[in-house]
N, C-alpha and C. Protein backbone atom coordinates (compact mmCIF):
# COMPACT_ATOMS: atom_id res chain seq x y z
N MET A 1 87.16 116.04 105.22
CA MET A 1 87.45 114.61 105.19
C MET A 1 88.98 114.42 105.11
N PRO A 2 89.54 113.54 105.95
CA PRO A 2 90.99 113.35 105.91
C PRO A 2 91.44 112.59 104.67
N LYS A 3 92.72 112.69 104.41
CA LYS A 3 93.29 111.95 103.28
C LYS A 3 93.21 110.46 103.55
N MET A 4 93.09 109.68 102.49
CA MET A 4 93.05 108.23 102.64
C MET A 4 94.47 107.69 102.74
N LYS A 5 94.70 106.75 103.67
CA LYS A 5 96.03 106.18 103.85
C LYS A 5 96.24 105.02 102.88
N THR A 6 97.46 104.88 102.40
CA THR A 6 97.85 103.76 101.56
C THR A 6 97.96 102.51 102.42
N ASN A 7 97.45 101.40 101.95
CA ASN A 7 97.56 100.13 102.65
C ASN A 7 99.02 99.66 102.58
N PRO A 8 99.66 99.42 103.74
CA PRO A 8 101.08 99.08 103.72
C PRO A 8 101.40 97.77 102.99
N GLY A 9 100.49 96.80 103.06
CA GLY A 9 100.70 95.53 102.34
C GLY A 9 100.66 95.74 100.85
N ALA A 10 99.72 96.57 100.38
CA ALA A 10 99.60 96.85 98.95
C ALA A 10 100.80 97.65 98.46
N LYS A 11 101.30 98.53 99.31
CA LYS A 11 102.46 99.35 98.96
C LYS A 11 103.67 98.49 98.63
N LYS A 12 103.81 97.37 99.38
CA LYS A 12 104.93 96.46 99.17
C LYS A 12 104.74 95.57 97.94
N ARG A 13 103.49 95.28 97.59
CA ARG A 13 103.21 94.28 96.55
C ARG A 13 102.98 94.85 95.16
N PHE A 14 102.51 96.07 95.07
CA PHE A 14 102.16 96.66 93.78
C PHE A 14 103.03 97.86 93.48
N SER A 15 103.24 98.12 92.19
CA SER A 15 103.91 99.35 91.77
C SER A 15 103.28 99.82 90.48
N LEU A 16 103.40 101.10 90.21
CA LEU A 16 102.79 101.69 89.02
C LEU A 16 103.78 101.72 87.86
N THR A 17 103.26 101.52 86.67
CA THR A 17 104.07 101.69 85.47
C THR A 17 104.00 103.16 85.06
N GLY A 18 104.75 103.52 84.06
CA GLY A 18 104.75 104.90 83.59
C GLY A 18 103.41 105.33 83.03
N THR A 19 102.64 104.38 82.50
CA THR A 19 101.34 104.71 81.92
C THR A 19 100.20 104.61 82.93
N GLY A 20 100.52 104.28 84.20
CA GLY A 20 99.50 104.25 85.24
C GLY A 20 98.90 102.89 85.51
N LYS A 21 99.38 101.86 84.82
CA LYS A 21 98.90 100.51 85.10
C LYS A 21 99.58 100.00 86.38
N ILE A 22 98.99 98.97 86.99
CA ILE A 22 99.52 98.46 88.25
C ILE A 22 100.21 97.12 87.99
N LYS A 23 101.48 97.05 88.41
CA LYS A 23 102.31 95.85 88.25
C LYS A 23 102.26 95.01 89.49
N ARG A 24 102.42 93.68 89.31
CA ARG A 24 102.51 92.77 90.45
C ARG A 24 103.49 91.66 90.12
N LYS A 25 103.98 90.98 91.17
CA LYS A 25 104.84 89.81 90.99
C LYS A 25 103.96 88.57 90.90
N HIS A 26 104.51 87.50 90.35
CA HIS A 26 103.82 86.22 90.32
C HIS A 26 103.97 85.50 91.66
N ALA A 27 103.01 84.65 91.97
CA ALA A 27 103.08 83.81 93.16
C ALA A 27 103.84 82.52 92.82
N TYR A 28 104.05 81.66 93.82
CA TYR A 28 104.65 80.33 93.66
C TYR A 28 106.12 80.38 93.26
N LYS A 29 106.87 81.37 93.73
CA LYS A 29 108.29 81.46 93.40
C LYS A 29 109.14 81.44 94.67
N SER A 30 108.55 81.07 95.82
CA SER A 30 109.29 81.20 97.07
C SER A 30 109.88 79.89 97.58
N HIS A 31 109.20 78.76 97.41
CA HIS A 31 109.75 77.50 97.92
C HIS A 31 109.18 76.35 97.09
N LEU A 32 109.67 75.14 97.34
CA LEU A 32 109.32 73.95 96.55
C LEU A 32 109.63 74.17 95.07
N LEU A 33 110.84 74.67 94.82
CA LEU A 33 111.22 75.03 93.45
C LEU A 33 111.85 73.87 92.68
N THR A 34 112.22 72.79 93.36
CA THR A 34 112.93 71.71 92.67
C THR A 34 112.03 70.98 91.69
N LYS A 35 110.75 70.91 91.99
CA LYS A 35 109.84 70.19 91.09
C LYS A 35 109.35 71.05 89.92
N LYS A 36 109.61 72.34 89.97
CA LYS A 36 109.16 73.24 88.91
C LYS A 36 110.23 73.33 87.83
N SER A 37 109.79 73.41 86.60
CA SER A 37 110.73 73.45 85.47
C SER A 37 111.44 74.81 85.42
N LYS A 38 112.58 74.83 84.73
CA LYS A 38 113.33 76.08 84.58
C LYS A 38 112.48 77.14 83.90
N LYS A 39 111.75 76.72 82.89
CA LYS A 39 110.91 77.66 82.14
C LYS A 39 109.83 78.27 83.03
N ARG A 40 109.22 77.43 83.85
CA ARG A 40 108.15 77.90 84.75
C ARG A 40 108.71 78.88 85.77
N LYS A 41 109.86 78.56 86.37
CA LYS A 41 110.47 79.44 87.35
C LYS A 41 110.91 80.76 86.72
N ARG A 42 111.44 80.68 85.52
CA ARG A 42 111.88 81.88 84.81
C ARG A 42 110.69 82.81 84.54
N ASN A 43 109.59 82.24 84.09
CA ASN A 43 108.42 83.05 83.78
C ASN A 43 107.76 83.62 85.02
N LEU A 44 107.89 82.93 86.15
CA LEU A 44 107.34 83.44 87.41
C LEU A 44 108.16 84.63 87.92
N GLY A 45 109.37 84.78 87.45
CA GLY A 45 110.23 85.87 87.92
C GLY A 45 109.84 87.22 87.37
N TYR A 46 109.13 87.26 86.26
CA TYR A 46 108.78 88.53 85.63
C TYR A 46 107.57 89.17 86.28
N PHE A 47 107.47 90.48 86.17
CA PHE A 47 106.29 91.21 86.62
C PHE A 47 105.18 91.03 85.61
N THR A 48 103.94 91.27 86.03
CA THR A 48 102.80 91.24 85.14
C THR A 48 101.84 92.35 85.55
N ILE A 49 100.92 92.70 84.67
CA ILE A 49 99.91 93.71 84.96
C ILE A 49 98.74 93.03 85.67
N ILE A 50 98.15 93.68 86.68
CA ILE A 50 97.07 93.03 87.39
C ILE A 50 95.83 92.94 86.51
N ASN A 51 94.97 91.98 86.82
CA ASN A 51 93.76 91.72 86.05
C ASN A 51 92.81 92.91 86.14
N LYS A 52 92.05 93.11 85.06
CA LYS A 52 91.12 94.23 84.98
C LYS A 52 90.09 94.20 86.11
N ALA A 53 89.70 93.00 86.55
CA ALA A 53 88.71 92.86 87.61
C ALA A 53 89.24 93.36 88.95
N ASN A 54 90.56 93.42 89.14
CA ASN A 54 91.15 93.81 90.42
C ASN A 54 91.68 95.24 90.44
N VAL A 55 91.57 95.94 89.33
CA VAL A 55 92.16 97.28 89.24
C VAL A 55 91.52 98.23 90.23
N LYS A 56 90.19 98.21 90.33
CA LYS A 56 89.48 99.14 91.20
C LYS A 56 89.89 98.96 92.66
N SER A 57 89.92 97.71 93.12
CA SER A 57 90.27 97.46 94.53
C SER A 57 91.74 97.77 94.80
N ALA A 58 92.63 97.48 93.85
CA ALA A 58 94.05 97.77 94.03
C ALA A 58 94.29 99.28 94.08
N ARG A 59 93.61 100.02 93.25
CA ARG A 59 93.75 101.48 93.26
C ARG A 59 93.23 102.05 94.59
N HIS A 60 92.17 101.45 95.11
CA HIS A 60 91.62 101.88 96.40
C HIS A 60 92.64 101.64 97.52
N LEU A 61 93.29 100.46 97.49
CA LEU A 61 94.29 100.14 98.51
C LEU A 61 95.51 101.05 98.43
N LEU A 62 95.85 101.47 97.20
CA LEU A 62 97.01 102.33 97.01
C LEU A 62 96.65 103.82 97.16
N ALA A 63 95.37 104.09 97.49
CA ALA A 63 94.87 105.46 97.68
C ALA A 63 95.05 106.29 96.42
N LEU A 64 94.77 105.69 95.27
CA LEU A 64 94.81 106.40 93.99
C LEU A 64 93.38 106.68 93.55
N LYS A 65 93.21 107.65 92.68
CA LYS A 65 91.86 107.94 92.18
C LYS A 65 91.44 106.98 91.10
């Protein structure tokens, strides 16, 4: 059986932490920023860990076990 290929879209969007968790960026930070508060925009700038429900599919896309 051949090796599984990493999904190129997932490769750009997700990254692994040192402990093996999967990091992602927040959405809604690209345009229409004038109506959003400073606090909201600041908090959208940080990375977050993906939800437990999505870990299995994200690991599959990244070709991880």
